[in-house]
Amino acid sequence: MSAASEPLERATALAPRWYTSPEHYARELERVFRRSWICFGREDWLPNAGDYFAFERFGEPLVALRDERGAVRVLSNVCRHRWHRVAEGRGNTRSL
C-alpha cells in the first residue's frame, strides 16, 4: 500500500527541509513545473489587440499579450539588446 492510499488520519506533512532546501526546489522546478503547462492568467484578461500584462514565473520575467491577429502570446519580458524589462504592469500598446 502506498502512502497516498493511507487513511487521512494517518497523513503526515513533508519534512521541513522539503520546504526550504534550494536543492529540492531546483529539482521540483526541473522535474515538475518545467515539464508541464502552468496557468498564469485568463485569456479574457486580454480582450483587445495590444492588451498585455507582465509577470514572473520561476525567476523569468514574461509578458502575455494579444497580438494584432487576436492570438494570445507569452514572450520573454527582457530586451535582448539592452537587457531591460520591456513591459511592466498591465495595459495596452501598439508595440513592445
PDB file of N, CA and C in Angstrom:
ATOM      1  N   MET A   1       0.849  -1.175   0.000  1.00  0.00           N
ATOM      2  CA  MET A   1       0.000   0.000   0.000  1.00  0.00           C
ATOM      3  C   MET A   1       0.895   1.240   0.000  1.00  0.00           C
ATOM      4  N   SER A   2       0.590   2.201  -0.876  1.00  0.00           N
ATOM      5  CA  SER A   2       1.384   3.429  -0.931  1.00  0.00           C
ATOM      6  C   SER A   2       0.903   4.410   0.125  1.00  0.00           C
ATOM      7  N   ALA A   3       1.754   5.366   0.457  1.00  0.00           N
ATOM      8  CA  ALA A   3       1.404   6.378   1.454  1.00  0.00           C
ATOM      9  C   ALA A   3       0.169   7.164   1.013  1.00  0.00           C
ATOM     10  N   ALA A   4      -0.017   7.343  -0.291  1.00  0.00           N
ATOM     11  CA  ALA A   4      -1.158   8.102  -0.801  1.00  0.00           C
ATOM     12  C   ALA A   4      -2.485   7.398  -0.546  1.00  0.00           C
ATOM     13  N   SER A   5      -2.462   6.094  -0.343  1.00  0.00           N
ATOM     14  CA  SER A   5      -3.713   5.367  -0.122  1.00  0.00           C
ATOM     15  C   SER A   5      -3.999   5.120   1.360  1.00  0.00           C
ATOM     16  N   GLU A   6      -3.159   5.640   2.240  1.00  0.00           N
ATOM     17  CA  GLU A   6      -3.391   5.520   3.682  1.00  0.00           C
ATOM     18  C   GLU A   6      -4.607   6.355   4.089  1.00  0.00           C
ATOM     19  N   PRO A   7      -5.287   6.001   5.167  1.00  0.00           N
ATOM     20  CA  PRO A   7      -6.403   6.824   5.646  1.00  0.00           C
ATOM     21  C   PRO A   7      -5.919   8.224   6.026  1.00  0.00           C
ATOM     22  N   LEU A   8      -6.785   9.202   5.905  1.00  0.00           N
ATOM     23  CA  LEU A   8      -6.439  10.590   6.193  1.00  0.00           C
ATOM     24  C   LEU A   8      -5.909  10.774   7.608  1.00  0.00           C
ATOM     25  N   GLU A   9      -6.436  10.020   8.552  1.00  0.00           N
ATOM     26  CA  GLU A   9      -5.988  10.146   9.940  1.00  0.00           C
ATOM     27  C   GLU A   9      -4.507   9.830  10.100  1.00  0.00           C
ATOM     28  N   ARG A  10      -3.930   9.099   9.176  1.00  0.00           N
ATOM     29  CA  ARG A  10      -2.518   8.713   9.265  1.00  0.00           C
ATOM     30  C   ARG A  10      -1.621   9.605   8.409  1.00  0.00           C
ATOM     31  N   ALA A  11      -2.205  10.644   7.819  1.00  0.00           N
ATOM     32  CA  ALA A  11      -1.439  11.540   6.947  1.00  0.00           C
ATOM     33  C   ALA A  11      -0.399  12.320   7.754  1.00  0.00           C
ATOM     34  N   THR A  12       0.715  12.621   7.115  1.00  0.00           N
ATOM     35  CA  THR A  12       1.764  13.432   7.730  1.00  0.00           C
ATOM     36  C   THR A  12       2.235  14.477   6.728  1.00  0.00           C
ATOM     37  N   ALA A  13       2.865  15.505   7.220  1.00  0.00           N
ATOM     38  CA  ALA A  13       3.415  16.556   6.360  1.00  0.00           C
ATOM     39  C   ALA A  13       4.825  16.166   5.933  1.00  0.00           C
ATOM     40  N   LEU A  14       5.304  16.813   4.904  1.00  0.00           N
ATOM     41  CA  LEU A  14       6.683  16.611   4.481  1.00  0.00           C
ATOM     42  C   LEU A  14       7.630  17.155   5.546  1.00  0.00           C
ATOM     43  N   ALA A  15       8.823  16.654   5.565  1.00  0.00           N
ATOM     44  CA  ALA A  15       9.845  17.169   6.478  1.00  0.00           C
ATOM     45  C   ALA A  15      10.131  18.629   6.126  1.00  0.00           C
ATOM     46  N   PRO A  16      10.427  19.472   7.104  1.00  0.00           N
ATOM     47  CA  PRO A  16      10.665  20.901   6.850  1.00  0.00           C
ATOM     48  C   PRO A  16      11.695  21.174   5.748  1.00  0.00           C
ATOM     49  N   ARG A  17      12.696  20.336   5.607  1.00  0.00           N
ATOM     50  CA  ARG A  17      13.733  20.579   4.587  1.00  0.00           C
ATOM     51  C   ARG A  17      13.146  20.620   3.169  1.00  0.00           C
ATOM     52  N   TRP A  18      12.029  19.933   2.942  1.00  0.00           N
ATOM     53  CA  TRP A  18      11.404  19.935   1.620  1.00  0.00           C
ATOM     54  C   TRP A  18      10.846  21.305   1.262  1.00  0.00           C
ATOM     55  N   TYR A  19      10.560  22.143   2.248  1.00  0.00           N
ATOM     56  CA  TYR A  19      10.011  23.463   2.008  1.00  0.00           C
ATOM     57  C   TYR A  19      11.086  24.545   1.932  1.00  0.00           C
ATOM     58  N   THR A  20      12.302  24.254   2.385  1.00  0.00           N
ATOM     59  CA  THR A  20      13.336  25.283   2.473  1.00  0.00           C
ATOM     60  C   THR A  20      14.610  24.976   1.696  1.00  0.00           C
ATOM     61  N   SER A  21      14.768  23.789   1.224  1.00  0.00           N
ATOM     62  CA  SER A  21      16.003  23.385   0.564  1.00  0.00           C
ATOM     63  C   SER A  21      16.097  23.917  -0.870  1.00  0.00           C
ATOM     64  N   PRO A  22      17.145  24.670  -1.196  1.00  0.00           N
ATOM     65  CA  PRO A  22      17.336  25.117  -2.581  1.00  0.00           C
ATOM     66  C   PRO A  22      17.489  23.945  -3.547  1.00  0.00           C
ATOM     67  N   GLU A  23      18.097  22.872  -3.094  1.00  0.00           N
ATOM     68  CA  GLU A  23      18.280  21.696  -3.952  1.00  0.00           C
ATOM     69  C   GLU A  23      16.932  21.050  -4.290  1.00  0.00           C
ATOM     70  N   HIS A  24      16.067  20.915  -3.282  1.00  0.00           N
ATOM     71  CA  HIS A  24      14.739  20.335  -3.528  1.00  0.00           C
ATOM     72  C   HIS A  24      13.923  21.243  -4.450  1.00  0.00           C
ATOM     73  N   TYR A  25      14.032  22.547  -4.245  1.00  0.00           N
ATOM     74  CA  TYR A  25      13.304  23.497  -5.084  1.00  0.00           C
ATOM     75  C   TYR A  25      13.765  23.387  -6.539  1.00  0.00           C
ATOM     76  N   ALA A  26      15.057  23.354  -6.764  1.00  0.00           N
ATOM     77  CA  ALA A  26      15.600  23.236  -8.128  1.00  0.00           C
ATOM     78  C   ALA A  26      15.140  21.942  -8.782  1.00  0.00           C
ATOM     79  N   ARG A  27      15.153  20.854  -8.045  1.00  0.00           N
ATOM     80  CA  ARG A  27      14.714  19.561  -8.573  1.00  0.00           C
ATOM     81  C   ARG A  27      13.223  19.592  -8.910  1.00  0.00           C
ATOM     82  N   GLU A  28      12.423  20.198  -8.035  1.00  0.00           N
ATOM     83  CA  GLU A  28      10.987  20.298  -8.278  1.00  0.00           C
ATOM     84  C   GLU A  28      10.692  21.149  -9.516  1.00  0.00           C
ATOM     85  N   LEU A  29      11.401  22.259  -9.663  1.00  0.00           N
ATOM     86  CA  LEU A  29      11.236  23.078 -10.863  1.00  0.00           C
ATOM     87  C   LEU A  29      11.514  22.270 -12.112  1.00  0.00           C
ATOM     88  N   GLU A  30      12.635  21.570 -12.119  1.00  0.00           N
ATOM     89  CA  GLU A  30      13.050  20.822 -13.306  1.00  0.00           C
ATOM     90  C   GLU A  30      12.150  19.628 -13.590  1.00  0.00           C
ATOM     91  N   ARG A  31      11.792  18.876 -12.578  1.00  0.00           N
ATOM     92  CA  ARG A  31      11.052  17.624 -12.781  1.00  0.00           C
ATOM     93  C   ARG A  31       9.539  17.780 -12.821  1.00  0.00           C
ATOM     94  N   VAL A  32       9.024  18.860 -12.254  1.00  0.00           N
ATOM     95  CA  VAL A  32       7.566  19.022 -12.204  1.00  0.00           C
ATOM     96  C   VAL A  32       7.120  20.230 -13.026  1.00  0.00           C
ATOM     97  N   PHE A  33       7.511  21.420 -12.605  1.00  0.00           N
ATOM     98  CA  PHE A  33       6.936  22.629 -13.177  1.00  0.00           C
ATOM     99  C   PHE A  33       7.409  22.938 -14.590  1.00  0.00           C
ATOM    100  N   ARG A  34       8.627  22.665 -14.926  1.00  0.00           N
ATOM    101  CA  ARG A  34       9.114  22.968 -16.279  1.00  0.00           C
ATOM    102  C   ARG A  34       8.732  21.895 -17.291  1.00  0.00           C
ATOM    103  N   ARG A  35       8.069  20.844 -16.857  1.00  0.00           N
ATOM    104  CA  ARG A  35       7.647  19.766 -17.764  1.00  0.00           C
ATOM    105  C   ARG A  35       6.165  19.815 -18.096  1.00  0.00           C
ATOM    106  N   SER A  36       5.463  20.795 -17.578  1.00  0.00           N
ATOM    107  CA  SER A  36       4.028  20.835 -17.829  1.00  0.00           C
ATOM    108  C   SER A  36       3.561  22.278 -17.980  1.00  0.00           C
ATOM    109  N   TRP A  37       2.365  22.418 -18.516  1.00  0.00           N
ATOM    110  CA  TRP A  37       1.772  23.734 -18.678  1.00  0.00           C
ATOM    111  C   TRP A  37       1.384  24.276 -17.315  1.00  0.00           C
ATOM    112  N   ILE A  38       1.547  25.576 -17.140  1.00  0.00           N
ATOM    113  CA  ILE A  38       1.202  26.228 -15.883  1.00  0.00           C
ATOM    114  C   ILE A  38       0.290  27.412 -16.198  1.00  0.00           C
ATOM    115  N   CYS A  39      -0.835  27.481 -15.534  1.00  0.00           N
ATOM    116  CA  CYS A  39      -1.761  28.599 -15.730  1.00  0.00           C
ATOM    117  C   CYS A  39      -1.180  29.854 -15.084  1.00  0.00           C
ATOM    118  N   PHE A  40      -1.153  30.937 -15.801  1.00  0.00           N
ATOM    119  CA  PHE A  40      -0.632  32.190 -15.259  1.00  0.00           C
ATOM    120  C   PHE A  40      -1.659  33.304 -15.351  1.00  0.00           C
ATOM    121  N   GLY A  41      -2.765  33.066 -15.994  1.00  0.00           N
ATOM    122  CA  GLY A  41      -3.787  34.090 -16.138  1.00  0.00           C
ATOM    123  C   GLY A  41      -4.928  33.577 -16.988  1.00  0.00           C
ATOM    124  N   ARG A  42      -5.847  34.462 -17.280  1.00  0.00           N
ATOM    125  CA  ARG A  42      -7.021  34.094 -18.078  1.00  0.00           C
ATOM    126  C   ARG A  42      -6.984  34.823 -19.416  1.00  0.00           C
ATOM    127  N   GLU A  43      -7.436  34.148 -20.443  1.00  0.00           N
ATOM    128  CA  GLU A  43      -7.461  34.739 -21.772  1.00  0.00           C
ATOM    129  C   GLU A  43      -8.318  36.011 -21.797  1.00  0.00           C
ATOM    130  N   ASP A  44      -9.381  36.035 -21.009  1.00  0.00           N
ATOM    131  CA  ASP A  44     -10.247  37.226 -21.025  1.00  0.00           C
ATOM    132  C   ASP A  44      -9.623  38.433 -20.331  1.00  0.00           C
ATOM    133  N   TRP A  45      -8.449  38.283 -19.731  1.00  0.00           N
ATOM    134  CA  TRP A  45      -7.704  39.432 -19.204  1.00  0.00           C
ATOM    135  C   TRP A  45      -7.113  40.251 -20.351  1.00  0.00           C
ATOM    136  N   LEU A  46      -7.122  39.679 -21.550  1.00  0.00           N
ATOM    137  CA  LEU A  46      -6.548  40.332 -22.731  1.00  0.00           C
ATOM    138  C   LEU A  46      -7.621  40.414 -23.818  1.00  0.00           C
ATOM    139  N   PRO A  47      -8.660  41.226 -23.614  1.00  0.00           N
ATOM    140  CA  PRO A  47      -9.772  41.222 -24.568  1.00  0.00           C
ATOM    141  C   PRO A  47      -9.467  41.875 -25.913  1.00  0.00           C
ATOM    142  N   ASN A  48      -8.517  42.819 -25.952  1.00  0.00           N
ATOM    143  CA  ASN A  48      -8.275  43.590 -27.176  1.00  0.00           C
ATOM    144  C   ASN A  48      -6.849  43.433 -27.678  1.00  0.00           C
ATOM    145  N   ALA A  49      -6.691  43.613 -28.988  1.00  0.00           N
ATOM    146  CA  ALA A  49      -5.347  43.609 -29.568  1.00  0.00           C
ATOM    147  C   ALA A  49      -4.513  44.677 -28.875  1.00  0.00           C
ATOM    148  N   GLY A  50      -3.290  44.315 -28.469  1.00  0.00           N
ATOM    149  CA  GLY A  50      -2.399  45.249 -27.788  1.00  0.00           C
ATOM    150  C   GLY A  50      -2.465  45.172 -26.277  1.00  0.00           C
ATOM    151  N   ASP A  51      -3.478  44.482 -25.720  1.00  0.00           N
ATOM    152  CA  ASP A  51      -3.550  44.323 -24.265  1.00  0.00           C
ATOM    153  C   ASP A  51      -2.419  43.408 -23.809  1.00  0.00           C
ATOM    154  N   TYR A  52      -1.837  43.722 -22.661  1.00  0.00           N
ATOM    155  CA  TYR A  52      -0.735  42.909 -22.140  1.00  0.00           C
ATOM    156  C   TYR A  52      -0.728  42.946 -20.623  1.00  0.00           C
ATOM    157  N   PHE A  53      -0.051  41.985 -20.021  1.00  0.00           N
ATOM    158  CA  PHE A  53       0.294  42.048 -18.602  1.00  0.00           C
ATOM    159  C   PHE A  53       1.615  41.333 -18.395  1.00  0.00           C
ATOM    160  N   ALA A  54       2.418  41.929 -17.532  1.00  0.00           N
ATOM    161  CA  ALA A  54       3.748  41.399 -17.233  1.00  0.00           C
ATOM    162  C   ALA A  54       3.672  40.585 -15.948  1.00  0.00           C
ATOM    163  N   PHE A  55       4.465  39.527 -15.883  1.00  0.00           N
ATOM    164  CA  PHE A  55       4.504  38.691 -14.692  1.00  0.00           C
ATOM    165  C   PHE A  55       5.830  37.941 -14.662  1.00  0.00           C
ATOM    166  N   GLU A  56       6.074  37.241 -13.593  1.00  0.00           N
ATOM    167  CA  GLU A  56       7.308  36.473 -13.453  1.00  0.00           C
ATOM    168  C   GLU A  56       6.963  35.068 -13.013  1.00  0.00           C
ATOM    169  N   ARG A  57       7.617  34.076 -13.594  1.00  0.00           N
ATOM    170  CA  ARG A  57       7.452  32.689 -13.178  1.00  0.00           C
ATOM    171  C   ARG A  57       8.830  32.067 -13.048  1.00  0.00           C
ATOM    172  N   PHE A  58       9.109  31.546 -11.870  1.00  0.00           N
ATOM    173  CA  PHE A  58      10.360  30.844 -11.590  1.00  0.00           C
ATOM    174  C   PHE A  58      11.576  31.701 -11.924  1.00  0.00           C
ATOM    175  N   GLY A  59      11.461  32.987 -11.618  1.00  0.00           N
ATOM    176  CA  GLY A  59      12.570  33.905 -11.833  1.00  0.00           C
ATOM    177  C   GLY A  59      12.720  34.411 -13.259  1.00  0.00           C
ATOM    178  N   GLU A  60      11.794  34.050 -14.139  1.00  0.00           N
ATOM    179  CA  GLU A  60      11.866  34.505 -15.527  1.00  0.00           C
ATOM    180  C   GLU A  60      10.805  35.566 -15.778  1.00  0.00           C
ATOM    181  N   PRO A  61      11.206  36.779 -16.182  1.00  0.00           N
ATOM    182  CA  PRO A  61      10.232  37.817 -16.499  1.00  0.00           C
ATOM    183  C   PRO A  61       9.557  37.521 -17.838  1.00  0.00           C
ATOM    184  N   LEU A  62       8.230  37.532 -17.841  1.00  0.00           N
ATOM    185  CA  LEU A  62       7.450  37.216 -19.034  1.00  0.00           C
ATOM    186  C   LEU A  62       6.395  38.284 -19.244  1.00  0.00           C
ATOM    187  N   VAL A  63       5.884  38.367 -20.465  1.00  0.00           N
ATOM    188  CA  VAL A  63       4.765  39.256 -20.761  1.00  0.00           C
ATOM    189  C   VAL A  63       3.786  38.485 -21.643  1.00  0.00           C
ATOM    190  N   ALA A  64       2.514  38.550 -21.262  1.00  0.00           N
ATOM    191  CA  ALA A  64       1.443  37.948 -22.063  1.00  0.00           C
ATOM    192  C   ALA A  64       0.758  39.071 -22.818  1.00  0.00           C
ATOM    193  N   LEU A  65       0.433  38.841 -24.088  1.00  0.00           N
ATOM    194  CA  LEU A  65      -0.209  39.877 -24.880  1.00  0.00           C
ATOM    195  C   LEU A  65      -1.118  39.270 -25.928  1.00  0.00           C
ATOM    196  N   ARG A  66      -2.063  40.081 -26.388  1.00  0.00           N
ATOM    197  CA  ARG A  66      -2.904  39.677 -27.516  1.00  0.00           C
ATOM    198  C   ARG A  66      -2.381  40.434 -28.731  1.00  0.00           C
ATOM    199  N   ASP A  67      -2.001  39.682 -29.761  1.00  0.00           N
ATOM    200  CA  ASP A  67      -1.416  40.335 -30.938  1.00  0.00           C
ATOM    201  C   ASP A  67      -2.502  40.886 -31.854  1.00  0.00           C
ATOM    202  N   GLU A  68      -2.062  41.521 -32.951  1.00  0.00           N
ATOM    203  CA  GLU A  68      -2.991  42.189 -33.864  1.00  0.00           C
ATOM    204  C   GLU A  68      -3.916  41.216 -34.585  1.00  0.00           C
ATOM    205  N   ARG A  69      -3.568  39.941 -34.607  1.00  0.00           N
ATOM    206  CA  ARG A  69      -4.433  38.924 -35.223  1.00  0.00           C
ATOM    207  C   ARG A  69      -5.357  38.255 -34.209  1.00  0.00           C
ATOM    208  N   GLY A  70      -5.241  38.649 -32.933  1.00  0.00           N
ATOM    209  CA  GLY A  70      -6.118  38.111 -31.906  1.00  0.00           C
ATOM    210  C   GLY A  70      -5.563  36.938 -31.124  1.00  0.00           C
ATOM    211  N   ALA A  71      -4.350  36.511 -31.440  1.00  0.00           N
ATOM    212  CA  ALA A  71      -3.739  35.385 -30.730  1.00  0.00           C
ATOM    213  C   ALA A  71      -3.108  35.856 -29.423  1.00  0.00           C
ATOM    214  N   VAL A  72      -3.190  35.016 -28.391  1.00  0.00           N
ATOM    215  CA  VAL A  72      -2.528  35.310 -27.125  1.00  0.00           C
ATOM    216  C   VAL A  72      -1.132  34.719 -27.186  1.00  0.00           C
ATOM    217  N   ARG A  73      -0.155  35.523 -26.835  1.00  0.00           N
ATOM    218  CA  ARG A  73       1.244  35.090 -26.879  1.00  0.00           C
ATOM    219  C   ARG A  73       1.901  35.385 -25.538  1.00  0.00           C
ATOM    220  N   VAL A  74       2.887  34.580 -25.185  1.00  0.00           N
ATOM    221  CA  VAL A  74       3.703  34.815 -23.994  1.00  0.00           C
ATOM    222  C   VAL A  74       5.150  34.882 -24.451  1.00  0.00           C
ATOM    223  N   LEU A  75       5.811  35.986 -24.115  1.00  0.00           N
ATOM    224  CA  LEU A  75       7.171  36.237 -24.572  1.00  0.00           C
ATOM    225  C   LEU A  75       8.073  36.579 -23.388  1.00  0.00           C
ATOM    226  N   SER A  76       9.360  36.469 -23.620  1.00  0.00           N
ATOM    227  CA  SER A  76      10.321  36.953 -22.628  1.00  0.00           C
ATOM    228  C   SER A  76      10.107  38.451 -22.457  1.00  0.00           C
ATOM    229  N   ASN A  77      10.161  38.917 -21.236  1.00  0.00           N
ATOM    230  CA  ASN A  77       9.969  40.337 -20.958  1.00  0.00           C
ATOM    231  C   ASN A  77      11.320  41.030 -20.757  1.00  0.00           C
ATOM    232  N   VAL A  78      12.302  40.615 -21.543  1.00  0.00           N
ATOM    233  CA  VAL A  78      13.636  41.209 -21.453  1.00  0.00           C
ATOM    234  C   VAL A  78      14.083  41.606 -22.863  1.00  0.00           C
ATOM    235  N   CYS A  79      14.503  42.851 -23.003  1.00  0.00           N
ATOM    236  CA  CYS A  79      15.037  43.338 -24.270  1.00  0.00           C
ATOM    237  C   CYS A  79      16.385  42.657 -24.521  1.00  0.00           C
ATOM    238  N   ARG A  80      16.538  41.990 -25.632  1.00  0.00           N
ATOM    239  CA  ARG A  80      17.783  41.282 -25.939  1.00  0.00           C
ATOM    240  C   ARG A  80      18.945  42.243 -26.182  1.00  0.00           C
ATOM    241  N   HIS A  81      18.646  43.470 -26.579  1.00  0.00           N
ATOM    242  CA  HIS A  81      19.697  44.438 -26.873  1.00  0.00           C
ATOM    243  C   HIS A  81      20.208  45.121 -25.608  1.00  0.00           C
ATOM    244  N   ARG A  82      19.306  45.559 -24.743  1.00  0.00           N
ATOM    245  CA  ARG A  82      19.699  46.335 -23.563  1.00  0.00           C
ATOM    246  C   ARG A  82      19.526  45.594 -22.239  1.00  0.00           C
ATOM    247  N   TRP A  83      18.950  44.397 -22.269  1.00  0.00           N
ATOM    248  CA  TRP A  83      18.746  43.599 -21.052  1.00  0.00           C
ATOM    249  C   TRP A  83      17.910  44.327 -20.011  1.00  0.00           C
ATOM    250  N   HIS A  84      16.877  45.035 -20.464  1.00  0.00           N
ATOM    251  CA  HIS A  84      15.935  45.709 -19.568  1.00  0.00           C
ATOM    252  C   HIS A  84      14.554  45.103 -19.777  1.00  0.00           C
ATOM    253  N   ARG A  85      13.690  45.320 -18.801  1.00  0.00           N
ATOM    254  CA  ARG A  85      12.305  44.854 -18.947  1.00  0.00           C
ATOM    255  C   ARG A  85      11.629  45.641 -20.060  1.00  0.00           C
ATOM    256  N   VAL A  86      10.834  44.937 -20.832  1.00  0.00           N
ATOM    257  CA  VAL A  86      10.130  45.553 -21.951  1.00  0.00           C
ATOM    258  C   VAL A  86       8.816  46.176 -21.489  1.00  0.00           C
ATOM    259  N   ALA A  87       8.121  45.501 -20.575  1.00  0.00           N
ATOM    260  CA  ALA A  87       6.816  45.983 -20.113  1.00  0.00           C
ATOM    261  C   ALA A  87       6.697  45.783 -18.610  1.00  0.00           C
ATOM    262  N   GLU A  88       5.877  46.624 -17.981  1.00  0.00           N
ATOM    263  CA  GLU A  88       5.585  46.487 -16.554  1.00  0.00           C
ATOM    264  C   GLU A  88       4.087  46.615 -16.344  1.00  0.00           C
ATOM    265  N   GLY A  89       3.574  45.924 -15.345  1.00  0.00           N
ATOM    266  CA  GLY A  89       2.155  46.020 -15.022  1.00  0.00           C
ATOM    267  C   GLY A  89       1.277  45.468 -16.125  1.00  0.00           C
ATOM    268  N   ARG A  90       0.222  46.213 -16.416  1.00  0.00           N
ATOM    269  CA  ARG A  90      -0.683  45.813 -17.496  1.00  0.00           C
ATOM    270  C   ARG A  90      -1.123  47.038 -18.243  1.00  0.00           C
ATOM    271  N   GLY A  91      -1.598  46.830 -19.465  1.00  0.00           N
ATOM    272  CA  GLY A  91      -2.040  47.973 -20.257  1.00  0.00           C
ATOM    273  C   GLY A  91      -2.340  47.582 -21.684  1.00  0.00           C
ATOM    274  N   ASN A  92      -2.239  48.557 -22.560  1.00  0.00           N
ATOM    275  CA  ASN A  92      -2.462  48.347 -23.988  1.00  0.00           C
ATOM    276  C   ASN A  92      -1.406  49.145 -24.726  1.00  0.00           C
ATOM    277  N   THR A  93      -0.837  48.548 -25.761  1.00  0.00           N
ATOM    278  CA  THR A  93       0.211  49.211 -26.525  1.00  0.00           C
ATOM    279  C   THR A  93       0.154  48.778 -27.979  1.00  0.00           C
ATOM    280  N   ARG A  94       0.750  49.578 -28.845  1.00  0.00           N
ATOM    281  CA  ARG A  94       0.807  49.210 -30.267  1.00  0.00           C
ATOM    282  C   ARG A  94       1.996  48.318 -30.555  1.00  0.00           C
ATOM    283  N   SER A  95       3.044  48.451 -29.742  1.00  0.00           N
ATOM    284  CA  SER A  95       4.231  47.601 -29.935  1.00  0.00           C
ATOM    285  C   SER A  95       5.019  47.523 -28.637  1.00  0.00           C
ATOM    286  N   LEU A  96       5.813  46.489 -28.537  1.00  0.00           N
ATOM    287  CA  LEU A  96       6.701  46.322 -27.382  1.00  0.00           C
ATOM    288  C   LEU A  96       8.136  46.469 -27.838  1.00  0.00           C
TER     289      LEU A  96
END
